[in-house]
Structures are given as structure tokens and as C-alpha cells.
Amino acid sequence: MPIITDPTDPYRNAIKRTLEEQESIKRRKNFKENKNNKTEKAFLDQPVELPESVNNVVGLSIFALLPYIIGIIFIFLIIAQANIETYRKTDMNSFLLAWTIGYELIAAISLLAILKSAINFKQK
């Protein structure tokens, strides 16, 4: 004899509702536990790893020469408009001036790269 279930049976509906509520409570509890055990780090909480060469003479010479070279290139290309005669007339041959310009350019590019990285950062 087949069992006929009535969809309007109040006892069946009460048991179904109770089981759904228990499942919902379990899902909420699991969600809260997963949210509290979050191991992802925010963008600014990530560790910064610098190469070991920064601490030795090679790192120091790169720190001194790279901004100077970039500053000289900037002065030659932008200010003197890639003309050697104009570059000589500008009288901007000071090491400290060229280094400062190069340092500021590197700093601006680095800040833009950090900003781009922060915008594109996606938490997993």
C-alpha cells in the first residue's frame, strides 16, 4: 500500500520547518567560524621583503648612482630637450641637483606602483 503524504499536513510542515531551521543554524555557525578564522592579510599587513644586497656596498652604490643617472637623463631629455648644446647652457651639472631630481622621480614612480598595487589587490 503506497504512503500518501498530504502537503498540507501541519505535523509534516512543522518537522520540515524544524529541520530547515537547524540546517540554517549550522550554516550560520560555520560561516561565523570561517569568518573568525580568516587567515588572509590586508594589503598593508603584508610583509615587505628587501633583497640582502641593500645592506652592502652594492646596494649603497645603487642608492647613490641610480637616482643620479635618472636625474641626468631627465634633465637632458625634458629640460634640455635632448640637445647637448642646450644641456651645457643650462649649467645643471651639480651631482646633488641631478640626484635629487632622480630620487624624486623614483619616489613618485614607486608611490604610483604601490597605489596601483593597492587598487588591484584582491583578498583571497
PDB file of N, CA and C in Angstrom:
ATOM      1  N   MET A   1       0.830  -1.167   0.000  1.00  0.00           N
ATOM      2  CA  MET A   1       0.000   0.000   0.000  1.00  0.00           C
ATOM      3  C   MET A   1       0.889   1.250   0.000  1.00  0.00           C
ATOM      4  N   PRO A   2       0.762   2.154  -0.996  1.00  0.00           N
ATOM      5  CA  PRO A   2       1.597   3.350  -1.061  1.00  0.00           C
ATOM      6  C   PRO A   2       1.239   4.347   0.032  1.00  0.00           C
ATOM      7  N   ILE A   3       2.313   5.041   0.482  1.00  0.00           N
ATOM      8  CA  ILE A   3       2.111   6.053   1.514  1.00  0.00           C
ATOM      9  C   ILE A   3       1.789   7.370   0.830  1.00  0.00           C
ATOM     10  N   ILE A   4       0.719   7.927   1.159  1.00  0.00           N
ATOM     11  CA  ILE A   4       0.292   9.197   0.578  1.00  0.00           C
ATOM     12  C   ILE A   4       0.541  10.275   1.629  1.00  0.00           C
ATOM     13  N   THR A   5       1.344  11.251   1.227  1.00  0.00           N
ATOM     14  CA  THR A   5       1.624  12.354   2.153  1.00  0.00           C
ATOM     15  C   THR A   5       0.853  13.577   1.702  1.00  0.00           C
ATOM     16  N   ASP A   6       0.293  14.187   2.643  1.00  0.00           N
ATOM     17  CA  ASP A   6      -0.501  15.375   2.375  1.00  0.00           C
ATOM     18  C   ASP A   6       0.369  16.612   2.559  1.00  0.00           C
ATOM     19  N   PRO A   7       0.588  17.448   1.498  1.00  0.00           N
ATOM     20  CA  PRO A   7       1.436  18.638   1.639  1.00  0.00           C
ATOM     21  C   PRO A   7       0.866  19.665   2.610  1.00  0.00           C
ATOM     22  N   THR A   8      -0.357  19.536   2.956  1.00  0.00           N
ATOM     23  CA  THR A   8      -0.947  20.487   3.907  1.00  0.00           C
ATOM     24  C   THR A   8      -0.952  19.936   5.327  1.00  0.00           C
ATOM     25  N   ASP A   9      -0.338  18.782   5.536  1.00  0.00           N
ATOM     26  CA  ASP A   9      -0.297  18.165   6.867  1.00  0.00           C
ATOM     27  C   ASP A   9       0.505  19.067   7.805  1.00  0.00           C
ATOM     28  N   PRO A  10      -0.051  19.580   8.904  1.00  0.00           N
ATOM     29  CA  PRO A  10       0.650  20.504   9.802  1.00  0.00           C
ATOM     30  C   PRO A  10       1.827  19.850  10.518  1.00  0.00           C
ATOM     31  N   TYR A  11       1.746  18.581  10.839  1.00  0.00           N
ATOM     32  CA  TYR A  11       2.848  17.892  11.522  1.00  0.00           C
ATOM     33  C   TYR A  11       4.046  17.749  10.584  1.00  0.00           C
ATOM     34  N   ARG A  12       3.755  17.384   9.324  1.00  0.00           N
ATOM     35  CA  ARG A  12       4.832  17.255   8.327  1.00  0.00           C
ATOM     36  C   ARG A  12       5.492  18.615   8.094  1.00  0.00           C
ATOM     37  N   ASN A  13       4.710  19.649   7.968  1.00  0.00           N
ATOM     38  CA  ASN A  13       5.256  21.000   7.740  1.00  0.00           C
ATOM     39  C   ASN A  13       6.058  21.486   8.944  1.00  0.00           C
ATOM     40  N   ALA A  14       5.633  21.171  10.167  1.00  0.00           N
ATOM     41  CA  ALA A  14       6.361  21.580  11.372  1.00  0.00           C
ATOM     42  C   ALA A  14       7.713  20.893  11.440  1.00  0.00           C
ATOM     43  N   ILE A  15       7.748  19.590  11.116  1.00  0.00           N
ATOM     44  CA  ILE A  15       9.019  18.846  11.131  1.00  0.00           C
ATOM     45  C   ILE A  15       9.947  19.385  10.041  1.00  0.00           C
ATOM     46  N   LYS A  16       9.401  19.636   8.855  1.00  0.00           N
ATOM     47  CA  LYS A  16      10.206  20.173   7.754  1.00  0.00           C
ATOM     48  C   LYS A  16      10.790  21.539   8.123  1.00  0.00           C
ATOM     49  N   ARG A  17       9.984  22.404   8.707  1.00  0.00           N
ATOM     50  CA  ARG A  17      10.438  23.729   9.121  1.00  0.00           C
ATOM     51  C   ARG A  17      11.515  23.621  10.203  1.00  0.00           C
ATOM     52  N   THR A  18      11.349  22.685  11.153  1.00  0.00           N
ATOM     53  CA  THR A  18      12.345  22.491  12.215  1.00  0.00           C
ATOM     54  C   THR A  18      13.667  22.031  11.632  1.00  0.00           C
ATOM     55  N   LEU A  19      13.632  21.096  10.699  1.00  0.00           N
ATOM     56  CA  LEU A  19      14.862  20.603  10.069  1.00  0.00           C
ATOM     57  C   LEU A  19      15.554  21.716   9.266  1.00  0.00           C
ATOM     58  N   GLU A  20      14.774  22.533   8.560  1.00  0.00           N
ATOM     59  CA  GLU A  20      15.352  23.643   7.805  1.00  0.00           C
ATOM     60  C   GLU A  20      15.979  24.681   8.735  1.00  0.00           C
ATOM     61  N   GLU A  21      15.363  24.951   9.864  1.00  0.00           N
ATOM     62  CA  GLU A  21      15.921  25.899  10.835  1.00  0.00           C
ATOM     63  C   GLU A  21      17.223  25.384  11.423  1.00  0.00           C
ATOM     64  N   GLN A  22      17.278  24.086  11.731  1.00  0.00           N
ATOM     65  CA  GLN A  22      18.509  23.500  12.269  1.00  0.00           C
ATOM     66  C   GLN A  22      19.628  23.584  11.234  1.00  0.00           C
ATOM     67  N   GLU A  23      19.323  23.322   9.971  1.00  0.00           N
ATOM     68  CA  GLU A  23      20.333  23.421   8.912  1.00  0.00           C
ATOM     69  C   GLU A  23      20.797  24.863   8.746  1.00  0.00           C
ATOM     70  N   SER A  24      19.871  25.810   8.848  1.00  0.00           N
ATOM     71  CA  SER A  24      20.219  27.216   8.739  1.00  0.00           C
ATOM     72  C   SER A  24      21.133  27.654   9.893  1.00  0.00           C
ATOM     73  N   ILE A  25      20.833  27.163  11.090  1.00  0.00           N
ATOM     74  CA  ILE A  25      21.674  27.484  12.256  1.00  0.00           C
ATOM     75  C   ILE A  25      23.075  26.927  12.064  1.00  0.00           C
ATOM     76  N   LYS A  26      23.189  25.706  11.547  1.00  0.00           N
ATOM     77  CA  LYS A  26      24.506  25.105  11.289  1.00  0.00           C
ATOM     78  C   LYS A  26      25.280  25.923  10.252  1.00  0.00           C
ATOM     79  N   ARG A  27      24.603  26.345   9.194  1.00  0.00           N
ATOM     80  CA  ARG A  27      25.285  27.137   8.162  1.00  0.00           C
ATOM     81  C   ARG A  27      25.770  28.473   8.717  1.00  0.00           C
ATOM     82  N   ARG A  28      24.940  29.144   9.525  1.00  0.00           N
ATOM     83  CA  ARG A  28      25.357  30.411  10.143  1.00  0.00           C
ATOM     84  C   ARG A  28      26.560  30.221  11.053  1.00  0.00           C
ATOM     85  N   LYS A  29      26.543  29.148  11.836  1.00  0.00           N
ATOM     86  CA  LYS A  29      27.646  28.859  12.759  1.00  0.00           C
ATOM     87  C   LYS A  29      28.936  28.597  11.973  1.00  0.00           C
ATOM     88  N   ASN A  30      28.841  27.812  10.914  1.00  0.00           N
ATOM     89  CA  ASN A  30      30.018  27.544  10.086  1.00  0.00           C
ATOM     90  C   ASN A  30      30.536  28.823   9.433  1.00  0.00           C
ATOM     91  N   PHE A  31      29.624  29.668   8.982  1.00  0.00           N
ATOM     92  CA  PHE A  31      30.033  30.922   8.357  1.00  0.00           C
ATOM     93  C   PHE A  31      30.773  31.811   9.347  1.00  0.00           C
ATOM     94  N   LYS A  32      30.227  31.923  10.572  1.00  0.00           N
ATOM     95  CA  LYS A  32      30.882  32.750  11.595  1.00  0.00           C
ATOM     96  C   LYS A  32      32.244  32.193  11.965  1.00  0.00           C
ATOM     97  N   GLU A  33      32.376  30.883  12.067  1.00  0.00           N
ATOM     98  CA  GLU A  33      33.670  30.272  12.395  1.00  0.00           C
ATOM     99  C   GLU A  33      34.676  30.526  11.290  1.00  0.00           C
ATOM    100  N   ASN A  34      34.259  30.398  10.048  1.00  0.00           N
ATOM    101  CA  ASN A  34      35.164  30.658   8.930  1.00  0.00           C
ATOM    102  C   ASN A  34      35.554  32.125   8.867  1.00  0.00           C
ATOM    103  N   LYS A  35      34.629  33.008   9.210  1.00  0.00           N
ATOM    104  CA  LYS A  35      34.923  34.437   9.199  1.00  0.00           C
ATOM    105  C   LYS A  35      35.910  34.792  10.306  1.00  0.00           C
ATOM    106  N   ASN A  36      35.786  34.166  11.476  1.00  0.00           N
ATOM    107  CA  ASN A  36      36.683  34.446  12.587  1.00  0.00           C
ATOM    108  C   ASN A  36      38.059  33.835  12.373  1.00  0.00           C
ATOM    109  N   ASN A  37      38.156  32.757  11.616  1.00  0.00           N
ATOM    110  CA  ASN A  37      39.432  32.083  11.373  1.00  0.00           C
ATOM    111  C   ASN A  37      40.086  32.575  10.094  1.00  0.00           C
ATOM    112  N   LYS A  38      39.740  33.767   9.691  1.00  0.00           N
ATOM    113  CA  LYS A  38      40.253  34.322   8.451  1.00  0.00           C
ATOM    114  C   LYS A  38      41.770  34.484   8.544  1.00  0.00           C
ATOM    115  N   THR A  39      42.496  33.874   7.600  1.00  0.00           N
ATOM    116  CA  THR A  39      43.952  33.939   7.616  1.00  0.00           C
ATOM    117  C   THR A  39      44.501  34.902   6.575  1.00  0.00           C
ATOM    118  N   GLU A  40      43.635  35.475   5.735  1.00  0.00           N
ATOM    119  CA  GLU A  40      44.124  36.416   4.750  1.00  0.00           C
ATOM    120  C   GLU A  40      44.586  37.693   5.439  1.00  0.00           C
ATOM    121  N   LYS A  41      45.567  38.317   4.838  1.00  0.00           N
ATOM    122  CA  LYS A  41      46.089  39.552   5.400  1.00  0.00           C
ATOM    123  C   LYS A  41      45.653  40.715   4.528  1.00  0.00           C
ATOM    124  N   ALA A  42      45.471  41.842   5.153  1.00  0.00           N
ATOM    125  CA  ALA A  42      45.140  43.043   4.413  1.00  0.00           C
ATOM    126  C   ALA A  42      46.375  43.511   3.644  1.00  0.00           C
ATOM    127  N   PHE A  43      46.174  44.414   2.704  1.00  0.00           N
ATOM    128  CA  PHE A  43      47.276  44.867   1.852  1.00  0.00           C
ATOM    129  C   PHE A  43      48.433  45.440   2.665  1.00  0.00           C
ATOM    130  N   LEU A  44      48.130  46.279   3.635  1.00  0.00           N
ATOM    131  CA  LEU A  44      49.196  46.918   4.407  1.00  0.00           C
ATOM    132  C   LEU A  44      49.792  46.007   5.477  1.00  0.00           C
ATOM    133  N   ASP A  45      49.190  44.837   5.722  1.00  0.00           N
ATOM    134  CA  ASP A  45      49.732  43.894   6.698  1.00  0.00           C
ATOM    135  C   ASP A  45      50.680  42.885   6.077  1.00  0.00           C
ATOM    136  N   GLN A  46      50.900  42.959   4.795  1.00  0.00           N
ATOM    137  CA  GLN A  46      51.789  42.014   4.126  1.00  0.00           C
ATOM    138  C   GLN A  46      53.243  42.322   4.484  1.00  0.00           C
ATOM    139  N   PRO A  47      54.062  41.277   4.614  1.00  0.00           N
ATOM    140  CA  PRO A  47      55.471  41.515   4.928  1.00  0.00           C
ATOM    141  C   PRO A  47      56.207  42.094   3.725  1.00  0.00           C
ATOM    142  N   VAL A  48      57.163  42.963   3.990  1.00  0.00           N
ATOM    143  CA  VAL A  48      57.981  43.556   2.939  1.00  0.00           C
ATOM    144  C   VAL A  48      59.338  42.881   2.990  1.00  0.00           C
ATOM    145  N   GLU A  49      59.719  42.282   1.871  1.00  0.00           N
ATOM    146  CA  GLU A  49      60.997  41.588   1.811  1.00  0.00           C
ATOM    147  C   GLU A  49      61.953  42.392   0.941  1.00  0.00           C
ATOM    148  N   LEU A  50      63.001  42.862   1.551  1.00  0.00           N
ATOM    149  CA  LEU A  50      64.021  43.599   0.824  1.00  0.00           C
ATOM    150  C   LEU A  50      65.166  42.658   0.486  1.00  0.00           C
ATOM    151  N   PRO A  51      65.790  42.848  -0.675  1.00  0.00           N
ATOM    152  CA  PRO A  51      66.927  41.982  -1.007  1.00  0.00           C
ATOM    153  C   PRO A  51      68.099  42.238  -0.063  1.00  0.00           C
ATOM    154  N   GLU A  52      68.906  41.221   0.155  1.00  0.00           N
ATOM    155  CA  GLU A  52      70.037  41.350   1.076  1.00  0.00           C
ATOM    156  C   GLU A  52      71.078  42.332   0.566  1.00  0.00           C
ATOM    157  N   SER A  53      71.111  42.548  -0.749  1.00  0.00           N
ATOM    158  CA  SER A  53      72.126  43.441  -1.303  1.00  0.00           C
ATOM    159  C   SER A  53      71.938  44.896  -0.892  1.00  0.00           C
ATOM    160  N   VAL A  54      70.762  45.233  -0.339  1.00  0.00           N
ATOM    161  CA  VAL A  54      70.531  46.606   0.091  1.00  0.00           C
ATOM    162  C   VAL A  54      71.479  46.962   1.232  1.00  0.00           C
ATOM    163  N   ASN A  55      71.885  45.969   2.009  1.00  0.00           N
ATOM    164  CA  ASN A  55      72.719  46.217   3.186  1.00  0.00           C
ATOM    165  C   ASN A  55      74.205  46.271   2.887  1.00  0.00           C
ATOM    166  N   ASN A  56      74.632  46.009   1.695  1.00  0.00           N
ATOM    167  CA  ASN A  56      76.072  46.021   1.428  1.00  0.00           C
ATOM    168  C   ASN A  56      76.458  47.160   0.490  1.00  0.00           C
ATOM    169  N   VAL A  57      77.675  47.156   0.058  1.00  0.00           N
ATOM    170  CA  VAL A  57      78.230  48.248  -0.738  1.00  0.00           C
ATOM    171  C   VAL A  57      77.530  48.370  -2.085  1.00  0.00           C
ATOM    172  N   VAL A  58      77.170  47.264  -2.677  1.00  0.00           N
ATOM    173  CA  VAL A  58      76.485  47.312  -3.968  1.00  0.00           C
ATOM    174  C   VAL A  58      75.149  48.042  -3.818  1.00  0.00           C
ATOM    175  N   GLY A  59      74.420  47.749  -2.778  1.00  0.00           N
ATOM    176  CA  GLY A  59      73.155  48.428  -2.539  1.00  0.00           C
ATOM    177  C   GLY A  59      73.338  49.918  -2.321  1.00  0.00           C
ATOM    178  N   LEU A  60      74.382  50.269  -1.584  1.00  0.00           N
ATOM    179  CA  LEU A  60      74.663  51.687  -1.332  1.00  0.00           C
ATOM    180  C   LEU A  60      75.041  52.412  -2.618  1.00  0.00           C
ATOM    181  N   SER A  61      75.854  51.764  -3.459  1.00  0.00           N
ATOM    182  CA  SER A  61      76.233  52.412  -4.718  1.00  0.00           C
ATOM    183  C   SER A  61      75.034  52.529  -5.653  1.00  0.00           C
ATOM    184  N   ILE A  62      74.143  51.556  -5.651  1.00  0.00           N
ATOM    185  CA  ILE A  62      72.925  51.668  -6.457  1.00  0.00           C
ATOM    186  C   ILE A  62      72.070  52.812  -5.927  1.00  0.00           C
ATOM    187  N   PHE A  63      71.992  52.942  -4.609  1.00  0.00           N
ATOM    188  CA  PHE A  63      71.234  54.026  -3.995  1.00  0.00           C
ATOM    189  C   PHE A  63      71.792  55.383  -4.404  1.00  0.00           C
ATOM    190  N   ALA A  64      73.107  55.479  -4.597  1.00  0.00           N
ATOM    191  CA  ALA A  64      73.720  56.754  -4.958  1.00  0.00           C
ATOM    192  C   ALA A  64      73.691  56.998  -6.465  1.00  0.00           C
ATOM    193  N   LEU A  65      73.929  55.964  -7.258  1.00  0.00           N
ATOM    194  CA  LEU A  65      74.079  56.165  -8.692  1.00  0.00           C
ATOM    195  C   LEU A  65      72.767  56.132  -9.474  1.00  0.00           C
ATOM    196  N   LEU A  66      71.830  55.308  -9.102  1.00  0.00           N
ATOM    197  CA  LEU A  66      70.600  55.188  -9.875  1.00  0.00           C
ATOM    198  C   LEU A  66      69.810  56.504  -9.919  1.00  0.00           C
ATOM    199  N   PRO A  67      69.579  57.182  -8.789  1.00  0.00           N
ATOM    200  CA  PRO A  67      68.877  58.477  -8.884  1.00  0.00           C
ATOM    201  C   PRO A  67      69.678  59.524  -9.672  1.00  0.00           C
ATOM    202  N   TYR A  68      71.000  59.483  -9.559  1.00  0.00           N
ATOM    203  CA  TYR A  68      71.828  60.440 -10.305  1.00  0.00           C
ATOM    204  C   TYR A  68      71.682  60.228 -11.810  1.00  0.00           C
ATOM    205  N   ILE A  69      71.746  58.983 -12.236  1.00  0.00           N
ATOM    206  CA  ILE A  69      71.625  58.680 -13.667  1.00  0.00           C
ATOM    207  C   ILE A  69      70.233  59.047 -14.175  1.00  0.00           C
ATOM    208  N   ILE A  70      69.211  58.722 -13.412  1.00  0.00           N
ATOM    209  CA  ILE A  70      67.846  59.072 -13.821  1.00  0.00           C
ATOM    210  C   ILE A  70      67.675  60.592 -13.849  1.00  0.00           C
ATOM    211  N   GLY A  71      68.271  61.297 -12.895  1.00  0.00           N
ATOM    212  CA  GLY A  71      68.206  62.761 -12.880  1.00  0.00           C
ATOM    213  C   GLY A  71      68.893  63.373 -14.084  1.00  0.00           C
ATOM    214  N   ILE A  72      70.062  62.852 -14.451  1.00  0.00           N
ATOM    215  CA  ILE A  72      70.784  63.346 -15.631  1.00  0.00           C
ATOM    216  C   ILE A  72      69.955  63.110 -16.896  1.00  0.00           C
ATOM    217  N   ILE A  73      69.367  61.920 -16.997  1.00  0.00           N
ATOM    218  CA  ILE A  73      68.536  61.612 -18.172  1.00  0.00           C
ATOM    219  C   ILE A  73      67.322  62.549 -18.226  1.00  0.00           C
ATOM    220  N   PHE A  74      66.702  62.795 -17.076  1.00  0.00           N
ATOM    221  CA  PHE A  74      65.539  63.702 -17.038  1.00  0.00           C
ATOM    222  C   PHE A  74      65.943  65.116 -17.454  1.00  0.00           C
ATOM    223  N   ILE A  75      67.039  65.607 -16.913  1.00  0.00           N
ATOM    224  CA  ILE A  75      67.490  66.964 -17.257  1.00  0.00           C
ATOM    225  C   ILE A  75      67.808  67.054 -18.742  1.00  0.00           C
ATOM    226  N   PHE A  76      68.471  66.023 -19.273  1.00  0.00           N
ATOM    227  CA  PHE A  76      68.851  66.049 -20.690  1.00  0.00           C
ATOM    228  C   PHE A  76      67.631  65.961 -21.599  1.00  0.00           C
ATOM    229  N   LEU A  77      66.693  65.036 -21.289  1.00  0.00           N
ATOM    230  CA  LEU A  77      65.561  64.822 -22.191  1.00  0.00           C
ATOM    231  C   LEU A  77      64.455  65.857 -22.028  1.00  0.00           C
ATOM    232  N   ILE A  78      64.119  66.209 -20.809  1.00  0.00           N
ATOM    233  CA  ILE A  78      62.972  67.087 -20.583  1.00  0.00           C
ATOM    234  C   ILE A  78      63.366  68.568 -20.581  1.00  0.00           C
ATOM    235  N   ILE A  79      64.365  68.905 -19.810  1.00  0.00           N
ATOM    236  CA  ILE A  79      64.730  70.325 -19.688  1.00  0.00           C
ATOM    237  C   ILE A  79      65.515  70.806 -20.904  1.00  0.00           C
ATOM    238  N   ALA A  80      66.541  70.028 -21.326  1.00  0.00           N
ATOM    239  CA  ALA A  80      67.365  70.442 -22.459  1.00  0.00           C
ATOM    240  C   ALA A  80      66.789  69.973 -23.791  1.00  0.00           C
ATOM    241  N   GLN A  81      65.700  69.243 -23.781  1.00  0.00           N
ATOM    242  CA  GLN A  81      65.019  68.751 -24.978  1.00  0.00           C
ATOM    243  C   GLN A  81      65.965  67.957 -25.887  1.00  0.00           C
ATOM    244  N   ALA A  82      66.794  67.121 -25.272  1.00  0.00           N
ATOM    245  CA  ALA A  82      67.733  66.215 -25.957  1.00  0.00           C
ATOM    246  C   ALA A  82      68.716  66.950 -26.867  1.00  0.00           C
ATOM    247  N   ASN A  83      69.114  68.134 -26.471  1.00  0.00           N
ATOM    248  CA  ASN A  83      70.089  68.906 -27.232  1.00  0.00           C
ATOM    249  C   ASN A  83      71.304  69.135 -26.343  1.00  0.00           C
ATOM    250  N   ILE A  84      72.471  68.698 -26.803  1.00  0.00           N
ATOM    251  CA  ILE A  84      73.681  68.778 -25.976  1.00  0.00           C
ATOM    252  C   ILE A  84      74.069  70.231 -25.717  1.00  0.00           C
ATOM    253  N   GLU A  85      73.947  71.084 -26.698  1.00  0.00           N
ATOM    254  CA  GLU A  85      74.302  72.488 -26.511  1.00  0.00           C
ATOM    255  C   GLU A  85      73.393  73.146 -25.465  1.00  0.00           C
ATOM    256  N   THR A  86      72.118  72.846 -25.524  1.00  0.00           N
ATOM    257  CA  THR A  86      71.189  73.403 -24.537  1.00  0.00           C
ATOM    258  C   THR A  86      71.501  72.836 -23.155  1.00  0.00           C
ATOM    259  N   TYR A  87      71.879  71.552 -23.098  1.00  0.00           N
ATOM    260  CA  TYR A  87      72.230  70.929 -21.817  1.00  0.00           C
ATOM    261  C   TYR A  87      73.448  71.611 -21.201  1.00  0.00           C
ATOM    262  N   ARG A  88      74.423  71.923 -22.011  1.00  0.00           N
ATOM    263  CA  ARG A  88      75.616  72.608 -21.491  1.00  0.00           C
ATOM    264  C   ARG A  88      75.281  74.023 -21.014  1.00  0.00           C
ATOM    265  N   LYS A  89      74.356  74.692 -21.694  1.00  0.00           N
ATOM    266  CA  LYS A  89      73.987  76.058 -21.318  1.00  0.00           C
ATOM    267  C   LYS A  89      73.137  76.105 -20.049  1.00  0.00           C
ATOM    268  N   THR A  90      72.411  75.020 -19.733  1.00  0.00           N
ATOM    269  CA  THR A  90      71.561  75.035 -18.536  1.00  0.00           C
ATOM    270  C   THR A  90      72.388  75.080 -17.265  1.00  0.00           C
ATOM    271  N   ASP A  91      73.609  74.635 -17.311  1.00  0.00           N
ATOM    272  CA  ASP A  91      74.528  74.646 -16.166  1.00  0.00           C
ATOM    273  C   ASP A  91      73.923  73.896 -14.967  1.00  0.00           C
ATOM    274  N   MET A  92      73.291  72.755 -15.252  1.00  0.00           N
ATOM    275  CA  MET A  92      72.711  71.910 -14.209  1.00  0.00           C
ATOM    276  C   MET A  92      73.570  70.658 -14.042  1.00  0.00           C
ATOM    277  N   ASN A  93      74.850  70.842 -13.819  1.00  0.00           N
ATOM    278  CA  ASN A  93      75.775  69.720 -13.723  1.00  0.00           C
ATOM    279  C   ASN A  93      76.045  69.309 -12.281  1.00  0.00           C
ATOM    280  N   SER A  94      75.348  69.848 -11.346  1.00  0.00           N
ATOM    281  CA  SER A  94      75.551  69.531  -9.943  1.00  0.00           C
ATOM    282  C   SER A  94      75.086  68.097  -9.651  1.00  0.00           C
ATOM    283  N   PHE A  95      75.934  67.332  -8.961  1.00  0.00           N
ATOM    284  CA  PHE A  95      75.592  65.953  -8.593  1.00  0.00           C
ATOM    285  C   PHE A  95      74.361  65.942  -7.696  1.00  0.00           C
ATOM    286  N   LEU A  96      74.344  66.814  -6.703  1.00  0.00           N
ATOM    287  CA  LEU A  96      73.240  66.828  -5.748  1.00  0.00           C
ATOM    288  C   LEU A  96      71.913  67.205  -6.409  1.00  0.00           C
ATOM    289  N   LEU A  97      71.930  68.142  -7.350  1.00  0.00           N
ATOM    290  CA  LEU A  97      70.713  68.541  -8.046  1.00  0.00           C
ATOM    291  C   LEU A  97      70.174  67.384  -8.893  1.00  0.00           C
ATOM    292  N   ALA A  98      71.056  66.757  -9.673  1.00  0.00           N
ATOM    293  CA  ALA A  98      70.626  65.640 -10.521  1.00  0.00           C
ATOM    294  C   ALA A  98      70.157  64.473  -9.658  1.00  0.00           C
ATOM    295  N   TRP A  99      70.853  64.198  -8.552  1.00  0.00           N
ATOM    296  CA  TRP A  99      70.461  63.095  -7.667  1.00  0.00           C
ATOM    297  C   TRP A  99      69.086  63.360  -7.046  1.00  0.00           C
ATOM    298  N   THR A 100      68.849  64.600  -6.639  1.00  0.00           N
ATOM    299  CA  THR A 100      67.564  64.947  -6.024  1.00  0.00           C
ATOM    300  C   THR A 100      66.419  64.795  -7.025  1.00  0.00           C
ATOM    301  N   ILE A 101      66.614  65.250  -8.237  1.00  0.00           N
ATOM    302  CA  ILE A 101      65.578  65.108  -9.265  1.00  0.00           C
ATOM    303  C   ILE A 101      65.312  63.625  -9.533  1.00  0.00           C
ATOM    304  N   GLY A 102      66.370  62.843  -9.673  1.00  0.00           N
ATOM    305  CA  GLY A 102      66.213  61.404  -9.912  1.00  0.00           C
ATOM    306  C   GLY A 102      65.545  60.702  -8.744  1.00  0.00           C
ATOM    307  N   TYR A 103      65.920  61.089  -7.541  1.00  0.00           N
ATOM    308  CA  TYR A 103      65.321  60.483  -6.347  1.00  0.00           C
ATOM    309  C   TYR A 103      63.828  60.770  -6.297  1.00  0.00           C
ATOM    310  N   GLU A 104      63.438  61.993  -6.587  1.00  0.00           N
ATOM    311  CA  GLU A 104      62.021  62.358  -6.580  1.00  0.00           C
ATOM    312  C   GLU A 104      61.257  61.622  -7.671  1.00  0.00           C
ATOM    313  N   LEU A 105      61.862  61.446  -8.824  1.00  0.00           N
ATOM    314  CA  LEU A 105      61.206  60.681  -9.889  1.00  0.00           C
ATOM    315  C   LEU A 105      60.997  59.228  -9.471  1.00  0.00           C
ATOM    316  N   ILE A 106      62.022  58.624  -8.876  1.00  0.00           N
ATOM    317  CA  ILE A 106      61.911  57.228  -8.410  1.00  0.00           C
ATOM    318  C   ILE A 106      60.854  57.126  -7.318  1.00  0.00           C
ATOM    319  N   ALA A 107      60.829  58.090  -6.414  1.00  0.00           N
ATOM    320  CA  ALA A 107      59.828  58.077  -5.343  1.00  0.00           C
ATOM    321  C   ALA A 107      58.417  58.194  -5.908  1.00  0.00           C
ATOM    322  N   ALA A 108      58.217  59.066  -6.876  1.00  0.00           N
ATOM    323  CA  ALA A 108      56.885  59.233  -7.469  1.00  0.00           C
ATOM    324  C   ALA A 108      56.454  57.970  -8.201  1.00  0.00           C
ATOM    325  N   ILE A 109      57.360  57.373  -8.946  1.00  0.00           N
ATOM    326  CA  ILE A 109      57.032  56.133  -9.664  1.00  0.00           C
ATOM    327  C   ILE A 109      56.747  55.005  -8.673  1.00  0.00           C
ATOM    328  N   SER A 110      57.521  54.934  -7.605  1.00  0.00           N
ATOM    329  CA  SER A 110      57.288  53.900  -6.586  1.00  0.00           C
ATOM    330  C   SER A 110      55.932  54.083  -5.908  1.00  0.00           C
ATOM    331  N   LEU A 111      55.589  55.315  -5.573  1.00  0.00           N
ATOM    332  CA  LEU A 111      54.285  55.573  -4.954  1.00  0.00           C
ATOM    333  C   LEU A 111      53.132  55.236  -5.895  1.00  0.00           C
ATOM    334  N   LEU A 112      53.300  55.542  -7.165  1.00  0.00           N
ATOM    335  CA  LEU A 112      52.264  55.179  -8.131  1.00  0.00           C
ATOM    336  C   LEU A 112      52.133  53.662  -8.268  1.00  0.00           C
ATOM    337  N   ALA A 113      53.268  52.950  -8.237  1.00  0.00           N
ATOM    338  CA  ALA A 113      53.221  51.492  -8.313  1.00  0.00           C
ATOM    339  C   ALA A 113      52.553  50.899  -7.077  1.00  0.00           C
ATOM    340  N   ILE A 114      52.827  51.458  -5.910  1.00  0.00           N
ATOM    341  CA  ILE A 114      52.189  50.986  -4.674  1.00  0.00           C
ATOM    342  C   ILE A 114      50.690  51.269  -4.725  1.00  0.00           C
ATOM    343  N   LEU A 115      50.311  52.441  -5.196  1.00  0.00           N
ATOM    344  CA  LEU A 115      48.900  52.780  -5.314  1.00  0.00           C
ATOM    345  C   LEU A 115      48.187  51.851  -6.290  1.00  0.00           C
ATOM    346  N   LYS A 116      48.819  51.569  -7.417  1.00  0.00           N
ATOM    347  CA  LYS A 116      48.237  50.640  -8.397  1.00  0.00           C
ATOM    348  C   LYS A 116      48.094  49.258  -7.800  1.00  0.00           C
ATOM    349  N   SER A 117      49.115  48.821  -7.065  1.00  0.00           N
ATOM    350  CA  SER A 117      49.069  47.507  -6.416  1.00  0.00           C
ATOM    351  C   SER A 117      47.955  47.453  -5.362  1.00  0.00           C
ATOM    352  N   ALA A 118      47.760  48.522  -4.634  1.00  0.00           N
ATOM    353  CA  ALA A 118      46.694  48.563  -3.630  1.00  0.00           C
ATOM    354  C   ALA A 118      45.320  48.538  -4.264  1.00  0.00           C
ATOM    355  N   ILE A 119      45.177  49.222  -5.405  1.00  0.00           N
ATOM    356  CA  ILE A 119      43.889  49.233  -6.088  1.00  0.00           C
ATOM    357  C   ILE A 119      43.580  47.854  -6.661  1.00  0.00           C
ATOM    358  N   ASN A 120      44.592  47.188  -7.215  1.00  0.00           N
ATOM    359  CA  ASN A 120      44.388  45.876  -7.833  1.00  0.00           C
ATOM    360  C   ASN A 120      44.442  44.726  -6.838  1.00  0.00           C
ATOM    361  N   PHE A 121      44.675  45.021  -5.571  1.00  0.00           N
ATOM    362  CA  PHE A 121      44.793  43.965  -4.550  1.00  0.00           C
ATOM    363  C   PHE A 121      43.457  43.285  -4.338  1.00  0.00           C
ATOM    364  N   LYS A 122      43.477  41.959  -4.362  1.00  0.00           N
ATOM    365  CA  LYS A 122      42.266  41.175  -4.121  1.00  0.00           C
ATOM    366  C   LYS A 122      42.537  40.214  -2.977  1.00  0.00           C
ATOM    367  N   GLN A 123      41.697  40.285  -1.951  1.00  0.00           N
ATOM    368  CA  GLN A 123      41.829  39.333  -0.855  1.00  0.00           C
ATOM    369  C   GLN A 123      41.307  37.993  -1.316  1.00  0.00           C
ATOM    370  N   LYS A 124      41.997  36.951  -0.891  1.00  0.00           N
ATOM    371  CA  LYS A 124      41.595  35.591  -1.281  1.00  0.00           C
ATOM    372  C   LYS A 124      40.622  35.013  -0.322  1.00  0.00           C
TER     373      LYS A 124
END
